Protein backbone atom coordinates (compact mmCIF):
# COMPACT_ATOMS: atom_id res chain seq x y z
CA MET A 1 -17.71 -2.51 -55.91
CA ILE A 2 -19.27 -0.95 -52.86
CA MET A 3 -19.63 2.82 -53.06
CA PRO A 4 -18.28 4.95 -50.22
CA ARG A 5 -21.01 6.32 -47.97
CA GLY A 6 -22.53 9.55 -49.26
CA GLN A 7 -20.99 9.31 -52.72
CA GLN A 8 -23.34 9.74 -55.65
CA LEU A 9 -23.59 7.16 -58.43
CA LEU A 10 -22.20 8.75 -61.60
CA LEU A 11 -23.40 8.38 -65.17
CA PRO A 12 -20.95 7.07 -67.78
CA VAL A 13 -18.76 9.77 -69.28
CA ARG A 14 -18.88 10.47 -73.00
CA PRO A 15 -15.52 10.18 -74.78
CA LEU A 16 -16.31 13.38 -76.68
CA PHE A 17 -16.53 15.24 -73.36
CA ILE A 18 -13.20 13.79 -72.20
CA TRP A 19 -11.34 14.79 -75.34
CA SER A 20 -13.00 18.19 -75.64
CA SER A 21 -11.97 18.99 -72.05
CA LEU A 22 -8.39 17.90 -72.79
CA ILE A 23 -8.24 19.98 -75.98
CA SER A 24 -9.76 22.92 -74.10
CA ALA A 25 -7.11 22.61 -71.39
CA LEU A 26 -4.43 22.53 -74.10
CA ALA A 27 -5.93 25.69 -75.60
CA VAL A 28 -5.99 27.40 -72.18
CA ASN A 29 -2.31 26.55 -71.69
CA MET A 30 -1.50 27.92 -75.13
CA LEU A 31 -3.46 31.12 -74.48
CA LEU A 32 -1.76 31.61 -71.11
CA ASN A 33 1.65 31.18 -72.73
CA MET A 34 0.85 33.80 -75.36
CA GLY A 35 -0.91 36.17 -72.95
CA LEU A 36 0.31 38.64 -70.39
CA VAL A 37 1.88 36.09 -68.04
CA GLY A 38 3.96 34.54 -70.81
CA ARG A 39 5.88 31.53 -69.62
CA ALA A 40 5.83 32.46 -65.96
CA ALA A 41 6.94 29.58 -63.77
CA TRP A 42 4.17 30.05 -61.21
CA VAL A 43 1.29 29.62 -63.69
CA PRO A 44 -0.51 26.28 -63.14
CA ASP A 45 -0.46 23.75 -65.95
CA PHE A 46 -4.15 23.24 -66.75
CA LEU A 47 -3.41 20.46 -69.22
CA ALA A 48 -1.53 18.48 -66.57
CA LEU A 49 -4.39 19.06 -64.14
CA THR A 50 -7.06 17.91 -66.60
CA LEU A 51 -4.93 15.00 -67.78
CA LEU A 52 -4.39 13.85 -64.21
CA PHE A 53 -8.11 14.08 -63.50
CA TRP A 54 -9.11 11.96 -66.50
CA THR A 55 -6.30 9.47 -65.92
CA VAL A 56 -7.53 8.96 -62.37
CA HIS A 57 -11.22 8.75 -63.28
CA GLN A 58 -11.00 7.02 -66.69
CA PRO A 59 -7.65 5.18 -66.91
CA LEU A 60 -8.84 2.96 -69.76
CA LYS A 61 -9.80 5.91 -71.95
CA VAL A 62 -7.00 8.36 -71.15
CA GLY A 63 -3.59 6.92 -70.49
CA ILE A 64 0.10 7.30 -71.04
CA GLY A 65 -0.18 7.47 -74.84
CA ALA A 66 -2.58 10.41 -74.73
CA ALA A 67 -0.34 12.11 -72.17
CA PHE A 68 2.67 11.66 -74.45
CA PHE A 69 0.99 13.14 -77.52
CA LEU A 70 -0.50 16.07 -75.59
CA GLY A 71 2.95 16.70 -74.11
CA LEU A 72 4.45 16.76 -77.60
CA ALA A 73 1.81 19.32 -78.60
CA MET A 74 2.81 21.50 -75.64
CA ASP A 75 6.50 21.13 -76.53
CA VAL A 76 5.87 22.20 -80.12
CA HIS A 77 3.76 25.15 -79.04
CA GLN A 78 6.26 26.44 -76.49
CA GLY A 79 9.28 25.78 -78.65
CA ALA A 80 10.68 23.83 -75.72
CA LEU A 81 13.01 20.88 -75.80
CA LEU A 82 11.05 18.27 -77.72
CA GLY A 83 9.87 15.66 -75.26
CA GLN A 84 10.21 17.56 -72.00
CA HIS A 85 6.46 17.96 -71.44
CA ALA A 86 5.79 14.58 -73.05
CA LEU A 87 8.05 12.91 -70.49
CA ALA A 88 6.54 14.84 -67.58
CA TYR A 89 2.94 14.15 -68.65
CA SER A 90 3.70 10.47 -69.27
CA ALA A 91 5.24 10.12 -65.82
CA LEU A 92 2.30 11.99 -64.30
CA SER A 93 -0.13 9.69 -66.08
CA TYR A 94 1.78 6.60 -64.95
CA LEU A 95 1.74 7.74 -61.32
CA ALA A 96 -1.97 8.58 -61.58
CA ILE A 97 -2.77 5.11 -62.90
CA ALA A 98 -0.78 3.63 -60.03
CA ILE A 99 -2.87 5.39 -57.37
CA HIS A 100 -6.24 5.86 -59.08
CA ARG A 101 -8.13 3.17 -57.16
CA ARG A 102 -6.98 4.38 -53.76
CA LEU A 103 -7.34 8.07 -54.53
CA LEU A 104 -11.06 7.96 -55.31
CA TRP A 105 -11.94 6.78 -51.79
CA PHE A 106 -10.80 10.03 -50.19
CA SER A 107 -12.48 13.40 -49.87
CA MET A 108 -11.61 16.21 -52.29
CA LEU A 109 -9.25 17.92 -49.84
CA SER A 110 -7.45 14.66 -49.11
CA GLN A 111 -7.22 14.00 -52.84
CA ALA A 112 -5.68 17.45 -53.33
CA ALA A 113 -3.06 16.64 -50.71
CA GLN A 114 -2.29 13.32 -52.39
CA VAL A 115 -1.96 14.69 -55.93
CA LEU A 116 0.42 17.45 -54.78
CA PRO A 117 3.46 15.08 -54.84
CA LEU A 118 2.48 13.99 -58.36
CA PHE A 119 2.45 17.58 -59.58
CA ILE A 120 5.74 18.24 -57.82
CA ALA A 121 7.29 15.18 -59.47
CA ALA A 122 6.12 16.31 -62.92
CA HIS A 123 7.54 19.80 -62.45
CA VAL A 124 10.82 18.48 -61.05
CA LEU A 125 11.13 16.13 -64.03
CA THR A 126 10.57 19.03 -66.43
CA LEU A 127 13.13 21.17 -64.62
CA LEU A 128 15.62 18.30 -64.57
CA VAL A 129 15.32 17.80 -68.34
CA ARG A 130 15.77 21.54 -68.90
CA TRP A 131 18.76 21.62 -66.56
CA LEU A 132 20.40 18.65 -68.35
CA ALA A 133 19.86 20.43 -71.67
CA GLY A 134 21.87 23.41 -70.39
CA ASP A 135 19.17 25.77 -69.12
CA GLY A 136 19.93 27.77 -66.01
CA PRO A 137 18.38 27.12 -62.61
CA ALA A 138 14.78 28.18 -62.13
CA GLY A 139 13.69 30.63 -59.46
CA TRP A 140 11.62 29.98 -56.38
CA SER A 141 8.41 30.87 -58.20
CA VAL A 142 8.43 27.44 -59.83
CA LEU A 143 7.33 25.96 -56.49
CA LEU A 144 4.02 27.82 -56.69
CA ALA A 145 2.75 25.98 -59.78
CA PRO A 146 2.32 22.52 -58.17
CA LEU A 147 0.75 24.12 -55.12
CA LEU A 148 -1.74 26.07 -57.26
CA GLU A 149 -2.52 22.93 -59.26
CA ALA A 150 -3.26 20.98 -56.07
CA LEU A 151 -5.46 23.83 -54.83
CA LEU A 152 -7.34 23.80 -58.15
CA TRP A 153 -7.94 20.03 -57.95
CA PRO A 154 -11.33 20.26 -56.13
CA VAL A 155 -12.56 22.96 -58.52
CA VAL A 156 -11.56 21.04 -61.64
CA SER A 157 -13.01 17.84 -60.20
CA ALA A 158 -16.35 19.50 -59.51
CA LEU A 159 -16.48 21.04 -62.98
CA LEU A 160 -15.52 17.90 -64.89
CA LEU A 161 -17.84 15.62 -62.88
CA MET A 162 -20.81 17.93 -63.30
CA PRO A 163 -22.20 16.29 -66.49
CA GLN A 164 -22.00 12.85 -64.89
CA ARG A 165 -24.00 13.88 -61.82
CA GLN A 166 -27.15 14.72 -63.78
CA ALA A 167 -29.99 12.23 -63.80
CA PRO A 168 -30.76 10.85 -67.27
CA ASP A 169 -34.52 11.25 -66.73
CA PRO A 170 -35.26 13.44 -63.71
CA ASP A 171 -38.11 12.09 -61.64
CA ALA A 172 -39.47 13.13 -58.26
CA ASN A 173 -39.65 9.50 -57.08
CA ARG A 174 -36.08 8.55 -58.02
CA PRO A 175 -33.19 9.66 -55.78
CA LEU A 176 -30.60 9.81 -58.59
């Protein structure tokens, strides 16, 4: 595969780093739900953001099964309808796998614009499941979460790609 011009060759990612970042994102979501903001609708879903990143960058290591089990963990933690996050994360992972080859050719800002509909679809799916279960309509603040997640995409991408951008043996004569 020919690399896009100006893009750096990345080192292989360690599976321990992938899973520790996913578990950390799950912990951040749990802490945000227990903290001052509670279950505010505008708070971005860091687990969905991290899961989407790894599904796009490593679809063979993180896929729909991992998304389903992490979604079940979020459902159990929140006391939500069992399967609502699992369904949303699985759909998000499926859509990410569908576009992962095309998405990596764009700049970070273009990627953020292209993952916005994926985040919107995941949140709409969650709201639809809650609505079918008899929950009332959500307010307008629920529209902020996908927008914040798309705005956080370049930041999360830079942070999670940082270990892969380091040279294995730094040398003044090697451009890696």
